[in-house]
Amino acid sequence: MAGAGGIMAELSSTMQTFTPTSLLQLASPWQLLDKAWMTTLGYHAQDFQFTPGQTPLSTLMETAIMLVVYYSVVLGGREWMRTRPAFKLNTLFLIHNFYLTVISGGLLVLFIQQLVPRLWSHGLYDGICGAGGWTDKLVVLYYLNYLTKYLEFIDTYFLFLKKKPLSESEKVYYIIFRD
């Protein structure tokens, strides 16, 4: 029994060293993102700088143009589809929803990895409203999350191509609240 007690004491001391930070570092999603970012863009993700006017889709004009294009496609597409049969796009719709789910899940894990340690050690206010809520890594994640909203516009395109009714409230929802 003394041996078992020693093992239990060792396990107990090991368990005490696990914190949210250490658990999230076992498999680092940020390192995976950084490696993909480096391969694609040629620099580390945390070196990204959001610069209004230079970063793609960072100005009011670019956003307004995207909204005009979105509404033009939705309203024009609905009219175009009025005399045509509905498309059967189930496979494409499943693929679209799958990659949105993977992207959203990945971003969730990355946000947790970045926010939980700060929230754990400094509390809710500092972790969100203070400097801890605006690290270089979090700015990358905020921007990536923003870009996914443009991918989510495709949901509405599927609705009109499948001739599903698209109410005014759904249009507003997809513009403002989709996440």
N, C-alpha and C. Protein backbone atom coordinates (compact mmCIF):
# COMPACT_ATOMS: atom_id res chain seq x y z
N MET A 1 0.81 -1.19 0.00
CA MET A 1 0.00 0.00 0.00
C MET A 1 0.86 1.25 0.00
N ALA A 2 2.07 1.19 0.56
CA ALA A 2 2.93 2.36 0.56
C ALA A 2 3.28 2.75 -0.86
N GLY A 3 3.47 1.76 -1.73
CA GLY A 3 3.76 2.04 -3.14
C GLY A 3 2.60 2.74 -3.80
N ALA A 4 1.39 2.27 -3.50
CA ALA A 4 0.20 2.89 -4.09
C ALA A 4 0.05 4.33 -3.61
N GLY A 5 0.36 4.56 -2.33
CA GLY A 5 0.29 5.92 -1.80
C GLY A 5 1.28 6.84 -2.49
N GLY A 6 2.47 6.31 -2.79
CA GLY A 6 3.48 7.10 -3.50
C GLY A 6 3.02 7.46 -4.90
N ILE A 7 2.40 6.48 -5.55
CA ILE A 7 1.89 6.73 -6.90
C ILE A 7 0.78 7.78 -6.85
N MET A 8 -0.10 7.64 -5.86
CA MET A 8 -1.20 8.60 -5.73
C MET A 8 -0.67 10.01 -5.45
N ALA A 9 0.36 10.09 -4.62
CA ALA A 9 0.95 11.40 -4.32
C ALA A 9 1.57 12.00 -5.58
N GLU A 10 2.24 11.16 -6.37
CA GLU A 10 2.86 11.63 -7.60
C GLU A 10 1.79 12.09 -8.60
N LEU A 11 0.71 11.31 -8.75
CA LEU A 11 -0.38 11.70 -9.63
C LEU A 11 -1.03 13.00 -9.15
N SER A 12 -1.20 13.10 -7.85
CA SER A 12 -1.81 14.30 -7.28
C SER A 12 -0.96 15.53 -7.58
N SER A 13 0.35 15.42 -7.42
CA SER A 13 1.21 16.58 -7.68
C SER A 13 1.24 16.90 -9.17
N THR A 14 1.15 15.87 -10.03
CA THR A 14 1.11 16.11 -11.47
C THR A 14 -0.18 16.81 -11.85
N MET A 15 -1.29 16.37 -11.29
CA MET A 15 -2.59 16.97 -11.60
C MET A 15 -2.65 18.43 -11.16
N GLN A 16 -1.94 18.76 -10.08
CA GLN A 16 -1.97 20.14 -9.61
C GLN A 16 -1.24 21.08 -10.56
N THR A 17 -0.35 20.56 -11.40
CA THR A 17 0.39 21.42 -12.31
C THR A 17 -0.41 21.73 -13.57
N PHE A 18 -1.52 21.03 -13.81
CA PHE A 18 -2.34 21.32 -14.97
C PHE A 18 -3.21 22.54 -14.71
N THR A 19 -3.10 23.49 -15.57
CA THR A 19 -3.93 24.68 -15.54
C THR A 19 -4.57 24.79 -16.92
N PRO A 20 -5.52 25.67 -17.10
CA PRO A 20 -6.08 25.83 -18.44
C PRO A 20 -4.99 26.13 -19.48
N THR A 21 -3.99 26.90 -19.08
CA THR A 21 -2.90 27.23 -19.99
C THR A 21 -2.13 25.99 -20.39
N SER A 22 -1.73 25.18 -19.41
CA SER A 22 -0.92 24.00 -19.74
C SER A 22 -1.72 22.98 -20.52
N LEU A 23 -3.01 22.83 -20.24
CA LEU A 23 -3.82 21.88 -20.99
C LEU A 23 -3.95 22.30 -22.45
N LEU A 24 -4.12 23.59 -22.70
CA LEU A 24 -4.26 24.06 -24.07
C LEU A 24 -2.95 24.01 -24.84
N GLN A 25 -1.83 23.98 -24.15
CA GLN A 25 -0.55 23.94 -24.82
C GLN A 25 -0.14 22.53 -25.23
N LEU A 26 -0.85 21.50 -24.73
CA LEU A 26 -0.53 20.13 -25.10
C LEU A 26 -0.61 19.95 -26.61
N ALA A 27 -1.63 20.45 -27.20
CA ALA A 27 -1.80 20.45 -28.65
C ALA A 27 -2.13 21.88 -29.02
N SER A 28 -1.19 22.56 -29.64
CA SER A 28 -1.36 23.98 -29.86
C SER A 28 -2.03 24.29 -31.20
N PRO A 29 -3.30 24.64 -31.17
CA PRO A 29 -3.97 25.04 -32.41
C PRO A 29 -3.32 26.28 -33.03
N TRP A 30 -2.80 27.17 -32.18
CA TRP A 30 -2.16 28.37 -32.73
C TRP A 30 -0.96 28.00 -33.59
N GLN A 31 -0.18 27.03 -33.16
CA GLN A 31 0.98 26.61 -33.95
C GLN A 31 0.55 26.06 -35.31
N LEU A 32 -0.56 25.34 -35.33
CA LEU A 32 -1.07 24.82 -36.61
C LEU A 32 -1.51 25.97 -37.51
N LEU A 33 -2.23 26.93 -36.95
CA LEU A 33 -2.65 28.10 -37.73
C LEU A 33 -1.43 28.87 -38.23
N ASP A 34 -0.46 29.07 -37.36
CA ASP A 34 0.73 29.83 -37.73
C ASP A 34 1.50 29.13 -38.86
N LYS A 35 1.57 27.82 -38.79
CA LYS A 35 2.27 27.08 -39.84
C LYS A 35 1.54 27.23 -41.18
N ALA A 36 0.21 27.11 -41.17
CA ALA A 36 -0.57 27.28 -42.39
C ALA A 36 -0.45 28.72 -42.90
N TRP A 37 -0.50 29.68 -41.98
CA TRP A 37 -0.38 31.11 -42.34
C TRP A 37 0.98 31.38 -42.99
N MET A 38 2.03 30.85 -42.36
CA MET A 38 3.39 31.05 -42.86
C MET A 38 3.55 30.43 -44.25
N THR A 39 2.98 29.25 -44.44
CA THR A 39 3.06 28.59 -45.74
C THR A 39 2.32 29.38 -46.80
N THR A 40 1.17 29.93 -46.44
CA THR A 40 0.34 30.64 -47.40
C THR A 40 0.81 32.07 -47.66
N LEU A 41 1.13 32.80 -46.58
CA LEU A 41 1.40 34.24 -46.72
C LEU A 41 2.87 34.62 -46.57
N GLY A 42 3.69 33.69 -46.06
CA GLY A 42 5.12 33.96 -45.97
C GLY A 42 5.58 34.71 -44.73
N TYR A 43 4.70 34.90 -43.75
CA TYR A 43 5.09 35.51 -42.48
C TYR A 43 4.23 34.92 -41.38
N HIS A 44 4.67 35.09 -40.14
CA HIS A 44 3.97 34.51 -39.00
C HIS A 44 2.64 35.24 -38.76
N ALA A 45 1.65 34.48 -38.33
CA ALA A 45 0.31 35.02 -38.11
C ALA A 45 0.33 36.17 -37.10
N GLN A 46 1.10 36.04 -36.02
CA GLN A 46 1.11 37.10 -35.00
C GLN A 46 1.77 38.38 -35.51
N ASP A 47 2.40 38.33 -36.69
CA ASP A 47 2.98 39.54 -37.27
C ASP A 47 1.97 40.30 -38.14
N PHE A 48 0.77 39.75 -38.30
CA PHE A 48 -0.30 40.41 -39.05
C PHE A 48 -0.63 41.74 -38.39
N GLN A 49 -0.81 42.75 -39.20
CA GLN A 49 -1.21 44.07 -38.70
C GLN A 49 -2.48 44.49 -39.42
N PHE A 50 -3.55 44.70 -38.66
CA PHE A 50 -4.78 45.22 -39.24
C PHE A 50 -4.59 46.71 -39.45
N THR A 51 -4.58 47.12 -40.72
CA THR A 51 -4.37 48.53 -41.05
C THR A 51 -5.56 49.01 -41.88
N PRO A 52 -6.42 49.83 -41.29
CA PRO A 52 -7.57 50.33 -42.06
C PRO A 52 -7.10 51.00 -43.35
N GLY A 53 -7.76 50.63 -44.43
CA GLY A 53 -7.41 51.19 -45.73
C GLY A 53 -6.42 50.34 -46.50
N GLN A 54 -5.69 49.47 -45.80
CA GLN A 54 -4.73 48.59 -46.47
C GLN A 54 -5.14 47.13 -46.35
N THR A 55 -5.63 46.73 -45.20
CA THR A 55 -6.07 45.36 -45.00
C THR A 55 -7.33 45.14 -45.83
N PRO A 56 -7.41 44.04 -46.58
CA PRO A 56 -8.60 43.79 -47.39
C PRO A 56 -9.89 43.83 -46.56
N LEU A 57 -10.91 44.47 -47.14
CA LEU A 57 -12.24 44.60 -46.54
C LEU A 57 -12.21 45.35 -45.21
N SER A 58 -11.33 46.34 -45.12
CA SER A 58 -11.20 47.09 -43.87
C SER A 58 -11.79 48.49 -43.92
N THR A 59 -12.37 48.85 -45.05
CA THR A 59 -12.94 50.19 -45.15
C THR A 59 -14.46 50.11 -45.29
N LEU A 60 -15.11 51.20 -44.97
CA LEU A 60 -16.56 51.28 -45.13
C LEU A 60 -16.94 51.10 -46.59
N MET A 61 -16.16 51.66 -47.50
CA MET A 61 -16.47 51.55 -48.94
C MET A 61 -16.43 50.10 -49.40
N GLU A 62 -15.40 49.36 -49.01
CA GLU A 62 -15.31 47.94 -49.40
C GLU A 62 -16.48 47.14 -48.83
N THR A 63 -16.82 47.41 -47.60
CA THR A 63 -17.94 46.71 -46.97
C THR A 63 -19.24 47.07 -47.66
N ALA A 64 -19.43 48.34 -47.97
CA ALA A 64 -20.65 48.78 -48.66
C ALA A 64 -20.75 48.13 -50.04
N ILE A 65 -19.63 48.04 -50.75
CA ILE A 65 -19.63 47.38 -52.06
C ILE A 65 -20.04 45.92 -51.93
N MET A 66 -19.51 45.23 -50.92
CA MET A 66 -19.87 43.83 -50.71
C MET A 66 -21.36 43.69 -50.39
N LEU A 67 -21.91 44.61 -49.61
CA LEU A 67 -23.34 44.56 -49.31
C LEU A 67 -24.19 44.81 -50.55
N VAL A 68 -23.77 45.75 -51.39
CA VAL A 68 -24.49 46.01 -52.63
C VAL A 68 -24.42 44.79 -53.55
N VAL A 69 -23.26 44.18 -53.66
CA VAL A 69 -23.12 42.96 -54.47
C VAL A 69 -24.01 41.86 -53.91
N TYR A 70 -23.98 41.69 -52.60
CA TYR A 70 -24.80 40.67 -51.94
C TYR A 70 -26.27 40.87 -52.26
N TYR A 71 -26.80 42.07 -52.02
CA TYR A 71 -28.21 42.32 -52.27
C TYR A 71 -28.54 42.23 -53.76
N SER A 72 -27.63 42.65 -54.62
CA SER A 72 -27.87 42.54 -56.07
C SER A 72 -28.00 41.09 -56.48
N VAL A 73 -27.11 40.25 -55.97
CA VAL A 73 -27.16 38.83 -56.30
C VAL A 73 -28.42 38.19 -55.71
N VAL A 74 -28.74 38.50 -54.47
CA VAL A 74 -29.92 37.91 -53.83
C VAL A 74 -31.20 38.33 -54.55
N LEU A 75 -31.38 39.63 -54.75
CA LEU A 75 -32.61 40.11 -55.38
C LEU A 75 -32.67 39.74 -56.87
N GLY A 76 -31.54 39.91 -57.56
CA GLY A 76 -31.48 39.52 -58.97
C GLY A 76 -31.62 38.01 -59.13
N GLY A 77 -31.00 37.27 -58.27
CA GLY A 77 -31.08 35.81 -58.33
C GLY A 77 -32.48 35.31 -58.06
N ARG A 78 -33.16 35.94 -57.13
CA ARG A 78 -34.55 35.56 -56.82
C ARG A 78 -35.45 35.80 -58.04
N GLU A 79 -35.24 36.93 -58.71
CA GLU A 79 -36.01 37.21 -59.92
C GLU A 79 -35.66 36.22 -61.03
N TRP A 80 -34.39 35.94 -61.20
CA TRP A 80 -33.93 35.01 -62.22
C TRP A 80 -34.51 33.62 -61.99
N MET A 81 -34.63 33.23 -60.72
CA MET A 81 -35.13 31.90 -60.38
C MET A 81 -36.66 31.81 -60.44
N ARG A 82 -37.34 32.92 -60.56
CA ARG A 82 -38.81 32.93 -60.54
C ARG A 82 -39.41 31.98 -61.58
N THR A 83 -38.83 31.91 -62.77
CA THR A 83 -39.37 31.08 -63.85
C THR A 83 -38.59 29.79 -64.06
N ARG A 84 -37.70 29.50 -63.18
CA ARG A 84 -36.86 28.30 -63.32
C ARG A 84 -37.16 27.32 -62.19
N PRO A 85 -36.88 26.04 -62.45
CA PRO A 85 -37.06 25.06 -61.37
C PRO A 85 -35.93 25.21 -60.33
N ALA A 86 -36.23 24.79 -59.14
CA ALA A 86 -35.24 24.85 -58.06
C ALA A 86 -34.06 23.93 -58.37
N PHE A 87 -32.87 24.38 -58.01
CA PHE A 87 -31.68 23.54 -58.15
C PHE A 87 -31.63 22.55 -56.99
N LYS A 88 -31.12 21.39 -57.26
CA LYS A 88 -30.88 20.40 -56.21
C LYS A 88 -29.39 20.50 -55.86
N LEU A 89 -29.11 21.19 -54.80
CA LEU A 89 -27.73 21.50 -54.42
C LEU A 89 -27.37 20.89 -53.07
N ASN A 90 -27.96 19.77 -52.73
CA ASN A 90 -27.75 19.20 -51.41
C ASN A 90 -26.29 18.90 -51.12
N THR A 91 -25.57 18.33 -52.07
CA THR A 91 -24.16 17.99 -51.84
C THR A 91 -23.33 19.26 -51.65
N LEU A 92 -23.53 20.24 -52.52
CA LEU A 92 -22.79 21.51 -52.36
C LEU A 92 -23.15 22.19 -51.04
N PHE A 93 -24.43 22.15 -50.68
CA PHE A 93 -24.87 22.76 -49.43
C PHE A 93 -24.23 22.06 -48.23
N LEU A 94 -24.14 20.74 -48.28
CA LEU A 94 -23.48 19.98 -47.21
C LEU A 94 -21.99 20.33 -47.13
N ILE A 95 -21.34 20.42 -48.27
CA ILE A 95 -19.91 20.78 -48.29
C ILE A 95 -19.73 22.19 -47.70
N HIS A 96 -20.57 23.12 -48.15
CA HIS A 96 -20.50 24.49 -47.65
C HIS A 96 -20.69 24.53 -46.12
N ASN A 97 -21.71 23.84 -45.63
CA ASN A 97 -21.94 23.83 -44.19
C ASN A 97 -20.84 23.11 -43.44
N PHE A 98 -20.25 22.09 -44.05
CA PHE A 98 -19.15 21.38 -43.40
C PHE A 98 -17.94 22.30 -43.22
N TYR A 99 -17.54 22.98 -44.30
CA TYR A 99 -16.35 23.83 -44.13
C TYR A 99 -16.64 25.02 -43.22
N LEU A 100 -17.86 25.55 -43.22
CA LEU A 100 -18.18 26.61 -42.26
C LEU A 100 -18.11 26.09 -40.83
N THR A 101 -18.56 24.86 -40.62
CA THR A 101 -18.51 24.26 -39.29
C THR A 101 -17.07 24.04 -38.86
N VAL A 102 -16.23 23.55 -39.76
CA VAL A 102 -14.82 23.33 -39.44
C VAL A 102 -14.12 24.65 -39.13
N ILE A 103 -14.38 25.66 -39.95
CA ILE A 103 -13.77 26.98 -39.71
C ILE A 103 -14.24 27.55 -38.37
N SER A 104 -15.55 27.51 -38.12
CA SER A 104 -16.08 28.05 -36.87
C SER A 104 -15.55 27.29 -35.66
N GLY A 105 -15.50 25.97 -35.76
CA GLY A 105 -14.96 25.16 -34.67
C GLY A 105 -13.49 25.45 -34.42
N GLY A 106 -12.73 25.57 -35.51
CA GLY A 106 -11.31 25.91 -35.38
C GLY A 106 -11.10 27.26 -34.73
N LEU A 107 -11.89 28.25 -35.17
CA LEU A 107 -11.78 29.58 -34.57
C LEU A 107 -12.18 29.55 -33.09
N LEU A 108 -13.20 28.77 -32.75
CA LEU A 108 -13.60 28.64 -31.35
C LEU A 108 -12.45 28.10 -30.52
N VAL A 109 -11.81 27.04 -30.99
CA VAL A 109 -10.68 26.46 -30.26
C VAL A 109 -9.54 27.47 -30.13
N LEU A 110 -9.26 28.19 -31.21
CA LEU A 110 -8.20 29.20 -31.17
C LEU A 110 -8.54 30.33 -30.20
N PHE A 111 -9.79 30.79 -30.20
CA PHE A 111 -10.20 31.83 -29.25
C PHE A 111 -10.08 31.32 -27.82
N ILE A 112 -10.51 30.10 -27.58
CA ILE A 112 -10.39 29.53 -26.23
C ILE A 112 -8.93 29.48 -25.81
N GLN A 113 -8.07 29.03 -26.71
CA GLN A 113 -6.64 28.94 -26.39
C GLN A 113 -6.06 30.30 -26.02
N GLN A 114 -6.52 31.35 -26.69
CA GLN A 114 -5.98 32.67 -26.42
C GLN A 114 -6.64 33.36 -25.23
N LEU A 115 -7.94 33.16 -25.05
CA LEU A 115 -8.67 33.90 -24.02
C LEU A 115 -8.71 33.25 -22.65
N VAL A 116 -8.84 31.93 -22.59
CA VAL A 116 -9.01 31.26 -21.30
C VAL A 116 -7.85 31.52 -20.34
N PRO A 117 -6.60 31.41 -20.77
CA PRO A 117 -5.52 31.69 -19.81
C PRO A 117 -5.58 33.11 -19.24
N ARG A 118 -5.91 34.08 -20.07
CA ARG A 118 -5.98 35.47 -19.61
C ARG A 118 -7.17 35.65 -18.67
N LEU A 119 -8.31 35.06 -19.03
CA LEU A 119 -9.48 35.14 -18.16
C LEU A 119 -9.21 34.47 -16.83
N TRP A 120 -8.51 33.34 -16.88
CA TRP A 120 -8.20 32.57 -15.67
C TRP A 120 -7.30 33.37 -14.73
N SER A 121 -6.32 34.06 -15.29
CA SER A 121 -5.34 34.74 -14.44
C SER A 121 -5.69 36.20 -14.13
N HIS A 122 -6.46 36.86 -14.99
CA HIS A 122 -6.72 38.30 -14.80
C HIS A 122 -8.19 38.66 -14.68
N GLY A 123 -9.08 37.72 -14.89
CA GLY A 123 -10.50 38.00 -14.75
C GLY A 123 -11.17 38.43 -16.04
N LEU A 124 -12.49 38.50 -15.99
CA LEU A 124 -13.31 38.76 -17.16
C LEU A 124 -13.07 40.14 -17.76
N TYR A 125 -13.07 41.18 -16.94
CA TYR A 125 -12.94 42.53 -17.48
C TYR A 125 -11.62 42.70 -18.23
N ASP A 126 -10.52 42.36 -17.60
CA ASP A 126 -9.22 42.53 -18.26
C ASP A 126 -9.07 41.60 -19.45
N GLY A 127 -9.63 40.40 -19.35
CA GLY A 127 -9.50 39.43 -20.43
C GLY A 127 -10.25 39.81 -21.69
N ILE A 128 -11.26 40.66 -21.54
CA ILE A 128 -12.05 41.05 -22.71
C ILE A 128 -11.87 42.53 -23.03
N CYS A 129 -11.97 43.37 -22.04
CA CYS A 129 -11.93 44.82 -22.27
C CYS A 129 -10.53 45.41 -22.14
N GLY A 130 -9.66 44.74 -21.42
CA GLY A 130 -8.32 45.26 -21.19
C GLY A 130 -7.36 44.86 -22.30
N ALA A 131 -6.09 45.07 -22.04
CA ALA A 131 -5.05 44.77 -23.03
C ALA A 131 -5.04 43.29 -23.41
N GLY A 132 -5.46 42.41 -22.51
CA GLY A 132 -5.47 40.98 -22.79
C GLY A 132 -6.45 40.59 -23.88
N GLY A 133 -7.43 41.43 -24.14
CA GLY A 133 -8.40 41.15 -25.18
C GLY A 133 -7.98 41.64 -26.56
N TRP A 134 -6.80 42.28 -26.63
CA TRP A 134 -6.34 42.85 -27.90
C TRP A 134 -4.89 42.50 -28.19
N THR A 135 -4.54 41.24 -27.99
CA THR A 135 -3.19 40.81 -28.33
C THR A 135 -3.07 40.66 -29.84
N ASP A 136 -1.84 40.55 -30.34
CA ASP A 136 -1.63 40.37 -31.78
C ASP A 136 -2.34 39.12 -32.29
N LYS A 137 -2.29 38.05 -31.50
CA LYS A 137 -2.93 36.80 -31.91
C LYS A 137 -4.44 36.96 -31.97
N LEU A 138 -5.02 37.65 -31.00
CA LEU A 138 -6.47 37.85 -31.01
C LEU A 138 -6.92 38.74 -32.16
N VAL A 139 -6.12 39.71 -32.53
CA VAL A 139 -6.47 40.56 -33.67
C VAL A 139 -6.55 39.71 -34.94
N VAL A 140 -5.63 38.76 -35.09
CA VAL A 140 -5.68 37.84 -36.23
C VAL A 140 -7.00 37.06 -36.20
N LEU A 141 -7.36 36.55 -35.04
CA LEU A 141 -8.58 35.76 -34.92
C LEU A 141 -9.83 36.61 -35.16
N TYR A 142 -9.84 37.84 -34.65
CA TYR A 142 -10.98 38.73 -34.89
C TYR A 142 -11.14 38.97 -36.40
N TYR A 143 -10.03 39.19 -37.09
CA TYR A 143 -10.09 39.45 -38.53
C TYR A 143 -10.55 38.20 -39.29
N LEU A 144 -10.02 37.04 -38.93
CA LEU A 144 -10.44 35.81 -39.60
C LEU A 144 -11.94 35.57 -39.37
N ASN A 145 -12.41 35.83 -38.17
CA ASN A 145 -13.84 35.67 -37.87
C ASN A 145 -14.66 36.64 -38.73
N TYR A 146 -14.18 37.85 -38.89
CA TYR A 146 -14.84 38.84 -39.74
C TYR A 146 -14.92 38.34 -41.19
N LEU A 147 -13.83 37.78 -41.70
CA LEU A 147 -13.83 37.28 -43.08
C LEU A 147 -14.82 36.14 -43.28
N THR A 148 -15.02 35.33 -42.25
CA THR A 148 -15.96 34.21 -42.39
C THR A 148 -17.39 34.71 -42.63
N LYS A 149 -17.69 35.91 -42.18
CA LYS A 149 -19.03 36.45 -42.40
C LYS A 149 -19.32 36.58 -43.89
N TYR A 150 -18.31 36.87 -44.69
CA TYR A 150 -18.50 36.95 -46.14
C TYR A 150 -18.75 35.57 -46.73
N LEU A 151 -18.10 34.55 -46.20
CA LEU A 151 -18.38 33.18 -46.65
C LEU A 151 -19.82 32.79 -46.31
N GLU A 152 -20.31 33.29 -45.21
CA GLU A 152 -21.67 32.93 -44.78
C GLU A 152 -22.74 33.56 -45.67
N PHE A 153 -22.38 34.57 -46.47
CA PHE A 153 -23.33 35.11 -47.44
C PHE A 153 -23.81 34.02 -48.39
N ILE A 154 -22.96 33.04 -48.65
CA ILE A 154 -23.28 31.98 -49.59
C ILE A 154 -24.53 31.22 -49.14
N ASP A 155 -24.80 31.16 -47.83
CA ASP A 155 -26.03 30.52 -47.34
C ASP A 155 -27.26 31.08 -48.03
N THR A 156 -27.32 32.39 -48.15
CA THR A 156 -28.48 33.04 -48.75
C THR A 156 -28.58 32.70 -50.23
N TYR A 157 -27.44 32.59 -50.90
CA TYR A 157 -27.45 32.21 -52.31
C TYR A 157 -28.06 30.82 -52.48
N PHE A 158 -27.71 29.91 -51.58
CA PHE A 158 -28.31 28.58 -51.64
C PHE A 158 -29.83 28.66 -51.47
N LEU A 159 -30.28 29.53 -50.58
CA LEU A 159 -31.72 29.63 -50.35
C LEU A 159 -32.47 30.03 -51.62
N PHE A 160 -31.97 31.04 -52.34
CA PHE A 160 -32.72 31.43 -53.53
C PHE A 160 -32.52 30.45 -54.68
N LEU A 161 -31.37 29.80 -54.78
CA LEU A 161 -31.17 28.80 -55.83
C LEU A 161 -32.03 27.56 -55.61
N LYS A 162 -32.32 27.27 -54.34
CA LYS A 162 -33.19 26.14 -54.01
C LYS A 162 -34.66 26.58 -53.93
N LYS A 163 -34.90 27.86 -54.22
CA LYS A 163 -36.23 28.46 -54.20
C LYS A 163 -36.88 28.37 -52.83
N LYS A 164 -36.09 28.53 -51.81
CA LYS A 164 -36.61 28.61 -50.45
C LYS A 164 -37.00 30.06 -50.21
N PRO A 165 -38.10 30.30 -49.53
CA PRO A 165 -38.49 31.69 -49.29
C PRO A 165 -37.46 32.41 -48.42
N LEU A 166 -37.20 33.63 -48.79
CA LEU A 166 -36.23 34.46 -48.06
C LEU A 166 -36.96 35.72 -47.63
N SER A 167 -37.33 35.76 -46.37
CA SER A 167 -38.07 36.92 -45.86
C SER A 167 -37.12 38.08 -45.61
N GLU A 168 -37.70 39.24 -45.41
CA GLU A 168 -36.89 40.43 -45.10
C GLU A 168 -36.11 40.22 -43.80
N SER A 169 -36.74 39.58 -42.83
CA SER A 169 -36.04 39.36 -41.56
C SER A 169 -34.85 38.42 -41.73
N GLU A 170 -34.97 37.44 -42.63
CA GLU A 170 -33.83 36.55 -42.89
C GLU A 170 -32.69 37.32 -43.54
N LYS A 171 -33.01 38.22 -44.45
CA LYS A 171 -31.96 39.02 -45.08
C LYS A 171 -31.22 39.84 -44.03
N VAL A 172 -31.97 40.49 -43.15
CA VAL A 172 -31.36 41.29 -42.09
C VAL A 172 -30.54 40.39 -41.18
N TYR A 173 -31.08 39.22 -40.84
CA TYR A 173 -30.37 38.28 -39.98
C TYR A 173 -29.03 37.91 -40.58
N TYR A 174 -29.01 37.55 -41.85
CA TYR A 174 -27.77 37.14 -42.49
C TYR A 174 -26.75 38.27 -42.58
N ILE A 175 -27.23 39.47 -42.68
CA ILE A 175 -26.32 40.62 -42.74
C ILE A 175 -25.77 40.95 -41.36
N ILE A 176 -26.62 40.98 -40.35
CA ILE A 176 -26.23 41.50 -39.05
C ILE A 176 -25.83 40.42 -38.04
N PHE A 177 -26.63 39.38 -37.93
CA PHE A 177 -26.51 38.48 -36.80
C PHE A 177 -25.87 37.13 -37.09
N ARG A 178 -25.60 36.79 -38.33
CA ARG A 178 -25.12 35.45 -38.65
C ARG A 178 -23.76 35.22 -38.01
N ASP A 179 -23.67 34.17 -37.21
CA ASP A 179 -22.38 33.79 -36.60
C ASP A 179 -22.37 32.34 -36.26
